Amino acid sequence: MSERRLLKEYQVVKKELGNHKNIISSLEPIDSDDLTNWTATILGPPNTPYHGHSFDLRIHLTPEYPLKPPQVTFSAYKMPHCNIEFKTGKICLNILDNANWSPVWNLLTVVLAIYQLLSDPVTDSPLNIDLSNILKIKDTSAYYGLIEYYLNNKSDK
């Protein structure tokens, strides 16, 4: 892993984060002496059942980063989304796949893409088949209702 690349990314994040304050409330390394583990908090997008909630992400950079994508998961509680494994927080997002990853992307790009995924779920590559099927039949009332139920009952781990 390129230490120089990580230091540069850290500087970019500190500089650019203010431009995305309505999307990302934080993106930072857990320990400033170890830039391989980060946390991020994203805000729920408007006009989605996630609006009004915030979501914590765990980001781990392997030694192959930036040639390989970071490992990113939702943390804290069960995450209802058709592209997120409900119990583990694993995310199905094309840019997090080795075959689709590009070293041109950075941590800020990844977090912004995850925010976008909350607005635009991809039903063709689900990790939560139930929510995906509800979306495929266009039952948005049931979809919103299930998501709101889980988000409002976060203590049900």
N, C-alpha and C. Protein backbone atom coordinates (compact mmCIF):
# COMPACT_ATOMS: atom_id res chain seq x y z
N MET A 1 0.85 -1.17 0.00
CA MET A 1 0.00 0.00 0.00
C MET A 1 0.89 1.24 0.00
N SER A 2 0.47 2.19 -0.75
CA SER A 2 1.24 3.42 -0.84
C SER A 2 0.87 4.37 0.30
N GLU A 3 1.80 4.55 1.20
CA GLU A 3 1.60 5.47 2.32
C GLU A 3 1.38 6.89 1.80
N ARG A 4 2.11 7.23 0.76
CA ARG A 4 1.99 8.57 0.17
C ARG A 4 0.58 8.79 -0.38
N ARG A 5 0.04 7.77 -1.03
CA ARG A 5 -1.31 7.87 -1.59
C ARG A 5 -2.32 8.09 -0.46
N LEU A 6 -2.19 7.34 0.62
CA LEU A 6 -3.12 7.49 1.73
C LEU A 6 -3.04 8.86 2.38
N LEU A 7 -1.82 9.36 2.54
CA LEU A 7 -1.67 10.70 3.10
C LEU A 7 -2.31 11.75 2.20
N LYS A 8 -2.13 11.58 0.89
CA LYS A 8 -2.74 12.50 -0.07
C LYS A 8 -4.27 12.43 0.01
N GLU A 9 -4.80 11.22 0.09
CA GLU A 9 -6.26 11.06 0.21
C GLU A 9 -6.77 11.71 1.48
N TYR A 10 -6.05 11.52 2.56
CA TYR A 10 -6.45 12.12 3.83
C TYR A 10 -6.53 13.64 3.70
N GLN A 11 -5.56 14.23 3.04
CA GLN A 11 -5.57 15.69 2.83
C GLN A 11 -6.74 16.11 1.94
N VAL A 12 -7.03 15.34 0.89
CA VAL A 12 -8.15 15.64 0.00
C VAL A 12 -9.46 15.55 0.76
N VAL A 13 -9.61 14.51 1.56
CA VAL A 13 -10.85 14.34 2.33
C VAL A 13 -11.04 15.53 3.27
N LYS A 14 -10.00 15.92 3.99
CA LYS A 14 -10.13 17.05 4.92
C LYS A 14 -10.51 18.33 4.17
N LYS A 15 -9.98 18.49 2.97
CA LYS A 15 -10.27 19.69 2.18
C LYS A 15 -11.66 19.65 1.55
N GLU A 16 -12.07 18.50 1.02
CA GLU A 16 -13.30 18.38 0.25
C GLU A 16 -14.54 18.05 1.06
N LEU A 17 -14.39 17.54 2.26
CA LEU A 17 -15.53 17.07 3.03
C LEU A 17 -16.59 18.15 3.23
N GLY A 18 -16.18 19.37 3.40
CA GLY A 18 -17.13 20.47 3.58
C GLY A 18 -18.05 20.66 2.39
N ASN A 19 -17.59 20.29 1.20
CA ASN A 19 -18.42 20.41 0.00
C ASN A 19 -19.53 19.36 -0.04
N HIS A 20 -19.46 18.38 0.84
CA HIS A 20 -20.42 17.28 0.84
C HIS A 20 -21.10 17.13 2.20
N LYS A 21 -21.18 18.23 2.97
CA LYS A 21 -21.69 18.13 4.33
C LYS A 21 -23.16 17.72 4.42
N ASN A 22 -23.92 17.87 3.34
CA ASN A 22 -25.31 17.41 3.35
C ASN A 22 -25.41 15.93 2.98
N ILE A 23 -24.27 15.29 2.70
CA ILE A 23 -24.22 13.87 2.33
C ILE A 23 -23.39 13.08 3.33
N ILE A 24 -22.21 13.60 3.64
CA ILE A 24 -21.26 12.90 4.51
C ILE A 24 -20.97 13.78 5.72
N SER A 25 -21.27 13.28 6.91
CA SER A 25 -20.98 14.10 8.09
C SER A 25 -19.58 13.84 8.63
N SER A 26 -19.00 12.67 8.29
CA SER A 26 -17.62 12.43 8.68
C SER A 26 -17.00 11.35 7.79
N LEU A 27 -15.72 11.46 7.60
CA LEU A 27 -14.91 10.47 6.90
C LEU A 27 -13.49 10.68 7.41
N GLU A 28 -13.02 9.73 8.23
CA GLU A 28 -11.73 9.92 8.86
C GLU A 28 -11.12 8.60 9.27
N PRO A 29 -9.81 8.57 9.37
CA PRO A 29 -9.17 7.35 9.88
C PRO A 29 -9.50 7.18 11.36
N ILE A 30 -9.59 5.95 11.80
CA ILE A 30 -9.85 5.68 13.22
C ILE A 30 -8.67 6.17 14.05
N ASP A 31 -7.48 5.98 13.53
CA ASP A 31 -6.24 6.40 14.20
C ASP A 31 -5.39 7.12 13.15
N SER A 32 -5.03 8.35 13.41
CA SER A 32 -4.28 9.12 12.40
C SER A 32 -2.89 8.54 12.14
N ASP A 33 -2.44 7.64 12.99
CA ASP A 33 -1.15 6.98 12.75
C ASP A 33 -1.29 5.71 11.92
N ASP A 34 -2.54 5.27 11.70
CA ASP A 34 -2.81 4.07 10.91
C ASP A 34 -3.92 4.39 9.92
N LEU A 35 -3.56 4.65 8.69
CA LEU A 35 -4.54 5.08 7.69
C LEU A 35 -5.20 3.91 6.97
N THR A 36 -5.15 2.71 7.54
CA THR A 36 -5.76 1.55 6.88
C THR A 36 -7.20 1.29 7.35
N ASN A 37 -7.60 1.90 8.44
CA ASN A 37 -8.96 1.71 8.95
C ASN A 37 -9.63 3.06 9.15
N TRP A 38 -10.77 3.23 8.49
CA TRP A 38 -11.49 4.50 8.52
C TRP A 38 -12.92 4.26 8.96
N THR A 39 -13.57 5.35 9.34
CA THR A 39 -15.01 5.35 9.58
C THR A 39 -15.61 6.49 8.77
N ALA A 40 -16.85 6.32 8.43
CA ALA A 40 -17.57 7.38 7.73
C ALA A 40 -19.00 7.37 8.24
N THR A 41 -19.63 8.52 8.22
CA THR A 41 -21.05 8.63 8.54
C THR A 41 -21.71 9.36 7.38
N ILE A 42 -22.70 8.69 6.78
CA ILE A 42 -23.45 9.31 5.69
C ILE A 42 -24.86 9.60 6.17
N LEU A 43 -25.48 10.59 5.56
CA LEU A 43 -26.84 10.97 5.90
C LEU A 43 -27.80 10.35 4.90
N GLY A 44 -28.99 10.03 5.36
CA GLY A 44 -29.98 9.44 4.46
C GLY A 44 -30.41 10.45 3.41
N PRO A 45 -30.43 10.02 2.15
CA PRO A 45 -30.80 10.93 1.06
C PRO A 45 -32.26 11.40 1.16
N PRO A 46 -32.52 12.64 0.75
CA PRO A 46 -33.90 13.12 0.70
C PRO A 46 -34.75 12.24 -0.22
N ASN A 47 -36.04 12.24 0.02
CA ASN A 47 -37.00 11.49 -0.80
C ASN A 47 -36.74 10.00 -0.81
N THR A 48 -36.16 9.49 0.27
CA THR A 48 -35.97 8.05 0.46
C THR A 48 -36.41 7.72 1.88
N PRO A 49 -36.66 6.45 2.16
CA PRO A 49 -37.02 6.10 3.55
C PRO A 49 -35.84 6.25 4.51
N TYR A 50 -34.66 6.52 3.99
CA TYR A 50 -33.46 6.69 4.82
C TYR A 50 -33.28 8.13 5.31
N HIS A 51 -34.05 9.06 4.72
CA HIS A 51 -33.93 10.47 5.08
C HIS A 51 -34.21 10.66 6.57
N GLY A 52 -33.40 11.49 7.20
CA GLY A 52 -33.55 11.75 8.62
C GLY A 52 -32.74 10.80 9.50
N HIS A 53 -32.05 9.86 8.88
CA HIS A 53 -31.21 8.90 9.61
C HIS A 53 -29.76 9.09 9.15
N SER A 54 -28.85 8.66 9.98
CA SER A 54 -27.43 8.64 9.58
C SER A 54 -26.94 7.20 9.69
N PHE A 55 -25.90 6.90 8.91
CA PHE A 55 -25.42 5.53 8.80
C PHE A 55 -23.90 5.51 8.89
N ASP A 56 -23.42 4.63 9.74
CA ASP A 56 -21.98 4.51 9.94
C ASP A 56 -21.42 3.41 9.04
N LEU A 57 -20.26 3.70 8.48
CA LEU A 57 -19.55 2.75 7.63
C LEU A 57 -18.20 2.44 8.25
N ARG A 58 -17.75 1.20 8.07
CA ARG A 58 -16.38 0.81 8.41
C ARG A 58 -15.65 0.58 7.10
N ILE A 59 -14.47 1.13 7.00
CA ILE A 59 -13.68 1.03 5.78
C ILE A 59 -12.31 0.47 6.14
N HIS A 60 -11.96 -0.62 5.47
CA HIS A 60 -10.65 -1.23 5.69
C HIS A 60 -9.90 -1.25 4.37
N LEU A 61 -8.67 -0.78 4.40
CA LEU A 61 -7.82 -0.77 3.22
C LEU A 61 -6.81 -1.90 3.33
N THR A 62 -6.83 -2.78 2.36
CA THR A 62 -5.88 -3.90 2.36
C THR A 62 -4.53 -3.40 1.86
N PRO A 63 -3.49 -4.20 2.01
CA PRO A 63 -2.17 -3.80 1.52
C PRO A 63 -2.13 -3.56 0.00
N GLU A 64 -3.11 -4.11 -0.73
CA GLU A 64 -3.15 -3.93 -2.18
C GLU A 64 -3.81 -2.62 -2.61
N TYR A 65 -4.41 -1.88 -1.67
CA TYR A 65 -5.02 -0.60 -2.01
C TYR A 65 -3.95 0.38 -2.47
N PRO A 66 -4.12 1.11 -3.54
CA PRO A 66 -5.33 1.40 -4.30
C PRO A 66 -5.55 0.50 -5.53
N LEU A 67 -4.76 -0.53 -5.69
CA LEU A 67 -4.97 -1.42 -6.82
C LEU A 67 -6.18 -2.32 -6.61
N LYS A 68 -6.56 -2.54 -5.36
CA LYS A 68 -7.76 -3.30 -5.01
C LYS A 68 -8.68 -2.38 -4.23
N PRO A 69 -9.98 -2.62 -4.31
CA PRO A 69 -10.93 -1.72 -3.63
C PRO A 69 -10.87 -1.86 -2.10
N PRO A 70 -11.32 -0.83 -1.42
CA PRO A 70 -11.43 -0.94 0.04
C PRO A 70 -12.56 -1.91 0.40
N GLN A 71 -12.50 -2.44 1.59
CA GLN A 71 -13.58 -3.27 2.12
C GLN A 71 -14.45 -2.37 2.98
N VAL A 72 -15.71 -2.24 2.58
CA VAL A 72 -16.62 -1.31 3.25
C VAL A 72 -17.87 -2.06 3.68
N THR A 73 -18.28 -1.83 4.93
CA THR A 73 -19.52 -2.41 5.44
C THR A 73 -20.27 -1.36 6.26
N PHE A 74 -21.58 -1.52 6.32
CA PHE A 74 -22.38 -0.73 7.25
C PHE A 74 -22.17 -1.32 8.63
N SER A 75 -22.18 -0.48 9.65
CA SER A 75 -21.98 -0.97 11.01
C SER A 75 -23.14 -0.54 11.89
N ALA A 76 -23.08 -0.96 13.13
CA ALA A 76 -23.98 -0.51 14.20
C ALA A 76 -25.28 -1.30 14.31
N TYR A 77 -25.98 -1.55 13.25
CA TYR A 77 -27.23 -2.30 13.34
C TYR A 77 -27.61 -2.86 11.98
N LYS A 78 -28.66 -3.65 11.96
CA LYS A 78 -29.11 -4.27 10.71
C LYS A 78 -29.51 -3.20 9.70
N MET A 79 -29.05 -3.35 8.47
CA MET A 79 -29.29 -2.33 7.45
C MET A 79 -30.25 -2.85 6.39
N PRO A 80 -31.45 -2.27 6.30
CA PRO A 80 -32.42 -2.71 5.31
C PRO A 80 -32.21 -2.02 3.96
N HIS A 81 -31.71 -2.75 3.01
CA HIS A 81 -31.50 -2.25 1.64
C HIS A 81 -31.28 -3.46 0.76
N CYS A 82 -31.78 -3.43 -0.46
CA CYS A 82 -31.68 -4.65 -1.28
C CYS A 82 -30.24 -4.97 -1.68
N ASN A 83 -29.33 -4.02 -1.64
CA ASN A 83 -27.94 -4.27 -2.01
C ASN A 83 -27.01 -4.37 -0.80
N ILE A 84 -27.60 -4.54 0.38
CA ILE A 84 -26.81 -4.64 1.61
C ILE A 84 -27.26 -5.88 2.37
N GLU A 85 -26.30 -6.72 2.73
CA GLU A 85 -26.62 -7.93 3.49
C GLU A 85 -27.12 -7.48 4.86
N PHE A 86 -28.32 -7.86 5.18
CA PHE A 86 -29.04 -7.34 6.34
C PHE A 86 -28.27 -7.47 7.64
N LYS A 87 -27.71 -8.63 7.92
CA LYS A 87 -27.10 -8.87 9.23
C LYS A 87 -25.63 -8.46 9.30
N THR A 88 -24.92 -8.47 8.18
CA THR A 88 -23.48 -8.18 8.23
C THR A 88 -23.12 -6.78 7.76
N GLY A 89 -24.00 -6.15 7.00
CA GLY A 89 -23.70 -4.83 6.46
C GLY A 89 -22.86 -4.86 5.20
N LYS A 90 -22.60 -6.05 4.65
CA LYS A 90 -21.83 -6.17 3.41
C LYS A 90 -22.58 -5.45 2.29
N ILE A 91 -21.83 -4.78 1.42
CA ILE A 91 -22.42 -3.95 0.37
C ILE A 91 -22.12 -4.55 -1.00
N CYS A 92 -23.16 -4.67 -1.81
CA CYS A 92 -22.99 -5.07 -3.21
C CYS A 92 -23.05 -3.80 -4.05
N LEU A 93 -21.88 -3.36 -4.48
CA LEU A 93 -21.75 -2.14 -5.28
C LEU A 93 -20.66 -2.39 -6.28
N ASN A 94 -20.93 -2.13 -7.55
CA ASN A 94 -19.99 -2.52 -8.60
C ASN A 94 -18.58 -1.98 -8.40
N ILE A 95 -18.41 -0.78 -7.92
CA ILE A 95 -17.04 -0.25 -7.79
C ILE A 95 -16.27 -0.90 -6.64
N LEU A 96 -16.97 -1.62 -5.77
CA LEU A 96 -16.27 -2.32 -4.68
C LEU A 96 -15.85 -3.73 -5.09
N ASP A 97 -16.14 -4.08 -6.32
CA ASP A 97 -15.76 -5.38 -6.86
C ASP A 97 -14.40 -5.24 -7.55
N ASN A 98 -13.53 -6.20 -7.33
CA ASN A 98 -12.19 -6.14 -7.92
C ASN A 98 -12.22 -5.90 -9.42
N ALA A 99 -13.15 -6.54 -10.11
CA ALA A 99 -13.21 -6.43 -11.57
C ALA A 99 -13.61 -5.04 -12.05
N ASN A 100 -14.33 -4.30 -11.24
CA ASN A 100 -14.81 -2.97 -11.64
C ASN A 100 -14.09 -1.82 -10.96
N TRP A 101 -13.24 -2.11 -10.02
CA TRP A 101 -12.52 -1.09 -9.27
C TRP A 101 -11.48 -0.40 -10.15
N SER A 102 -11.28 0.87 -9.92
CA SER A 102 -10.23 1.62 -10.59
C SER A 102 -9.42 2.38 -9.54
N PRO A 103 -8.09 2.35 -9.63
CA PRO A 103 -7.27 3.11 -8.69
C PRO A 103 -7.48 4.62 -8.78
N VAL A 104 -8.18 5.06 -9.80
CA VAL A 104 -8.50 6.49 -9.93
C VAL A 104 -9.46 6.92 -8.83
N TRP A 105 -10.31 5.98 -8.39
CA TRP A 105 -11.27 6.29 -7.34
C TRP A 105 -10.58 6.36 -5.99
N ASN A 106 -11.20 7.08 -5.07
CA ASN A 106 -10.64 7.21 -3.73
C ASN A 106 -11.74 6.99 -2.69
N LEU A 107 -11.41 7.17 -1.44
CA LEU A 107 -12.37 6.90 -0.37
C LEU A 107 -13.59 7.82 -0.45
N LEU A 108 -13.37 9.06 -0.81
CA LEU A 108 -14.49 9.99 -0.95
C LEU A 108 -15.42 9.53 -2.07
N THR A 109 -14.86 9.08 -3.18
CA THR A 109 -15.66 8.55 -4.29
C THR A 109 -16.50 7.36 -3.84
N VAL A 110 -15.88 6.47 -3.08
CA VAL A 110 -16.57 5.27 -2.60
C VAL A 110 -17.74 5.64 -1.69
N VAL A 111 -17.51 6.53 -0.76
CA VAL A 111 -18.57 6.91 0.17
C VAL A 111 -19.71 7.62 -0.56
N LEU A 112 -19.39 8.45 -1.53
CA LEU A 112 -20.43 9.11 -2.33
C LEU A 112 -21.22 8.09 -3.15
N ALA A 113 -20.56 7.07 -3.65
CA ALA A 113 -21.25 6.02 -4.41
C ALA A 113 -22.20 5.23 -3.51
N ILE A 114 -21.80 4.98 -2.27
CA ILE A 114 -22.67 4.26 -1.33
C ILE A 114 -23.89 5.12 -0.99
N TYR A 115 -23.68 6.41 -0.82
CA TYR A 115 -24.80 7.33 -0.59
C TYR A 115 -25.77 7.26 -1.77
N GLN A 116 -25.24 7.27 -2.99
CA GLN A 116 -26.08 7.19 -4.18
C GLN A 116 -26.85 5.87 -4.23
N LEU A 117 -26.22 4.80 -3.78
CA LEU A 117 -26.87 3.49 -3.76
C LEU A 117 -28.11 3.50 -2.86
N LEU A 118 -28.09 4.29 -1.78
CA LEU A 118 -29.27 4.39 -0.93
C LEU A 118 -30.45 4.99 -1.69
N SER A 119 -30.16 5.90 -2.61
CA SER A 119 -31.22 6.51 -3.43
C SER A 119 -31.66 5.62 -4.58
N ASP A 120 -30.70 4.88 -5.14
CA ASP A 120 -30.95 4.10 -6.35
C ASP A 120 -30.54 2.65 -6.18
N PRO A 121 -31.35 1.85 -5.46
CA PRO A 121 -31.00 0.44 -5.28
C PRO A 121 -31.00 -0.29 -6.63
N VAL A 122 -30.18 -1.32 -6.71
CA VAL A 122 -30.05 -2.12 -7.94
C VAL A 122 -30.65 -3.49 -7.65
N THR A 123 -31.84 -3.73 -8.16
CA THR A 123 -32.56 -4.97 -7.85
C THR A 123 -31.98 -6.18 -8.56
N ASP A 124 -31.14 -5.98 -9.55
CA ASP A 124 -30.56 -7.11 -10.29
C ASP A 124 -29.38 -7.76 -9.57
N SER A 125 -28.87 -7.13 -8.53
CA SER A 125 -27.75 -7.74 -7.78
C SER A 125 -28.02 -7.62 -6.28
N PRO A 126 -29.08 -8.28 -5.81
CA PRO A 126 -29.47 -8.10 -4.41
C PRO A 126 -28.67 -8.95 -3.43
N LEU A 127 -28.51 -8.42 -2.26
CA LEU A 127 -28.05 -9.18 -1.10
C LEU A 127 -29.22 -9.40 -0.14
N ASN A 128 -30.27 -8.61 -0.31
CA ASN A 128 -31.50 -8.78 0.45
C ASN A 128 -32.60 -9.04 -0.59
N ILE A 129 -32.86 -10.30 -0.82
CA ILE A 129 -33.77 -10.71 -1.89
C ILE A 129 -35.20 -10.26 -1.62
N ASP A 130 -35.61 -10.26 -0.36
CA ASP A 130 -36.98 -9.85 -0.04
C ASP A 130 -37.23 -8.41 -0.44
N LEU A 131 -36.35 -7.51 -0.04
CA LEU A 131 -36.52 -6.10 -0.42
C LEU A 131 -36.41 -5.91 -1.93
N SER A 132 -35.52 -6.66 -2.55
CA SER A 132 -35.37 -6.57 -4.00
C SER A 132 -36.66 -6.98 -4.71
N ASN A 133 -37.28 -8.08 -4.27
CA ASN A 133 -38.52 -8.53 -4.88
C ASN A 133 -39.65 -7.53 -4.70
N ILE A 134 -39.70 -6.89 -3.54
CA ILE A 134 -40.71 -5.87 -3.29
C ILE A 134 -40.52 -4.71 -4.26
N LEU A 135 -39.28 -4.32 -4.48
CA LEU A 135 -39.01 -3.23 -5.43
C LEU A 135 -39.33 -3.65 -6.87
N LYS A 136 -39.03 -4.89 -7.21
CA LYS A 136 -39.28 -5.36 -8.58
C LYS A 136 -40.76 -5.32 -8.93
N ILE A 137 -41.63 -5.55 -7.95
CA ILE A 137 -43.06 -5.48 -8.24
C ILE A 137 -43.61 -4.07 -7.99
N LYS A 138 -42.71 -3.14 -7.72
CA LYS A 138 -43.02 -1.72 -7.56
C LYS A 138 -44.00 -1.43 -6.40
N ASP A 139 -43.85 -2.20 -5.32
CA ASP A 139 -44.66 -1.96 -4.13
C ASP A 139 -43.87 -1.04 -3.20
N THR A 140 -43.81 0.23 -3.57
CA THR A 140 -43.00 1.18 -2.80
C THR A 140 -43.56 1.40 -1.40
N SER A 141 -44.86 1.24 -1.23
CA SER A 141 -45.44 1.40 0.11
C SER A 141 -44.89 0.34 1.06
N ALA A 142 -44.85 -0.91 0.62
CA ALA A 142 -44.30 -1.98 1.45
C ALA A 142 -42.80 -1.79 1.65
N TYR A 143 -42.10 -1.39 0.59
CA TYR A 143 -40.65 -1.16 0.65
C TYR A 143 -40.32 -0.09 1.68
N TYR A 144 -40.98 1.07 1.57
CA TYR A 144 -40.74 2.15 2.52
C TYR A 144 -41.13 1.73 3.94
N GLY A 145 -42.26 1.03 4.05
CA GLY A 145 -42.73 0.60 5.36
C GLY A 145 -41.75 -0.32 6.07
N LEU A 146 -41.21 -1.30 5.35
CA LEU A 146 -40.23 -2.22 5.96
C LEU A 146 -38.97 -1.49 6.38
N ILE A 147 -38.48 -0.63 5.52
CA ILE A 147 -37.25 0.11 5.85
C ILE A 147 -37.48 1.01 7.05
N GLU A 148 -38.59 1.74 7.05
CA GLU A 148 -38.87 2.63 8.18
C GLU A 148 -39.05 1.84 9.47
N TYR A 149 -39.67 0.65 9.38
CA TYR A 149 -39.83 -0.18 10.58
C TYR A 149 -38.45 -0.52 11.17
N TYR A 150 -37.55 -1.01 10.34
CA TYR A 150 -36.23 -1.41 10.85
C TYR A 150 -35.42 -0.21 11.33
N LEU A 151 -35.50 0.89 10.62
CA LEU A 151 -34.72 2.06 11.03
C LEU A 151 -35.25 2.66 12.33
N ASN A 152 -36.53 2.55 12.55
CA ASN A 152 -37.12 3.09 13.78
C ASN A 152 -37.04 2.13 14.95
N ASN A 153 -36.59 0.92 14.70
CA ASN A 153 -36.43 -0.09 15.75
C ASN A 153 -34.99 -0.61 15.75
N LYS A 154 -34.04 0.32 15.74
CA LYS A 154 -32.62 -0.02 15.65
C LYS A 154 -32.15 -0.93 16.78
N SER A 155 -32.80 -0.86 17.92
CA SER A 155 -32.33 -1.66 19.05
C SER A 155 -32.61 -3.15 18.86
N ASP A 156 -33.40 -3.52 17.87
CA ASP A 156 -33.68 -4.94 17.59
C ASP A 156 -32.53 -5.55 16.82
N LYS A 157 -31.45 -5.85 17.50
CA LYS A 157 -30.25 -6.38 16.83
C LYS A 157 -30.34 -7.86 16.63
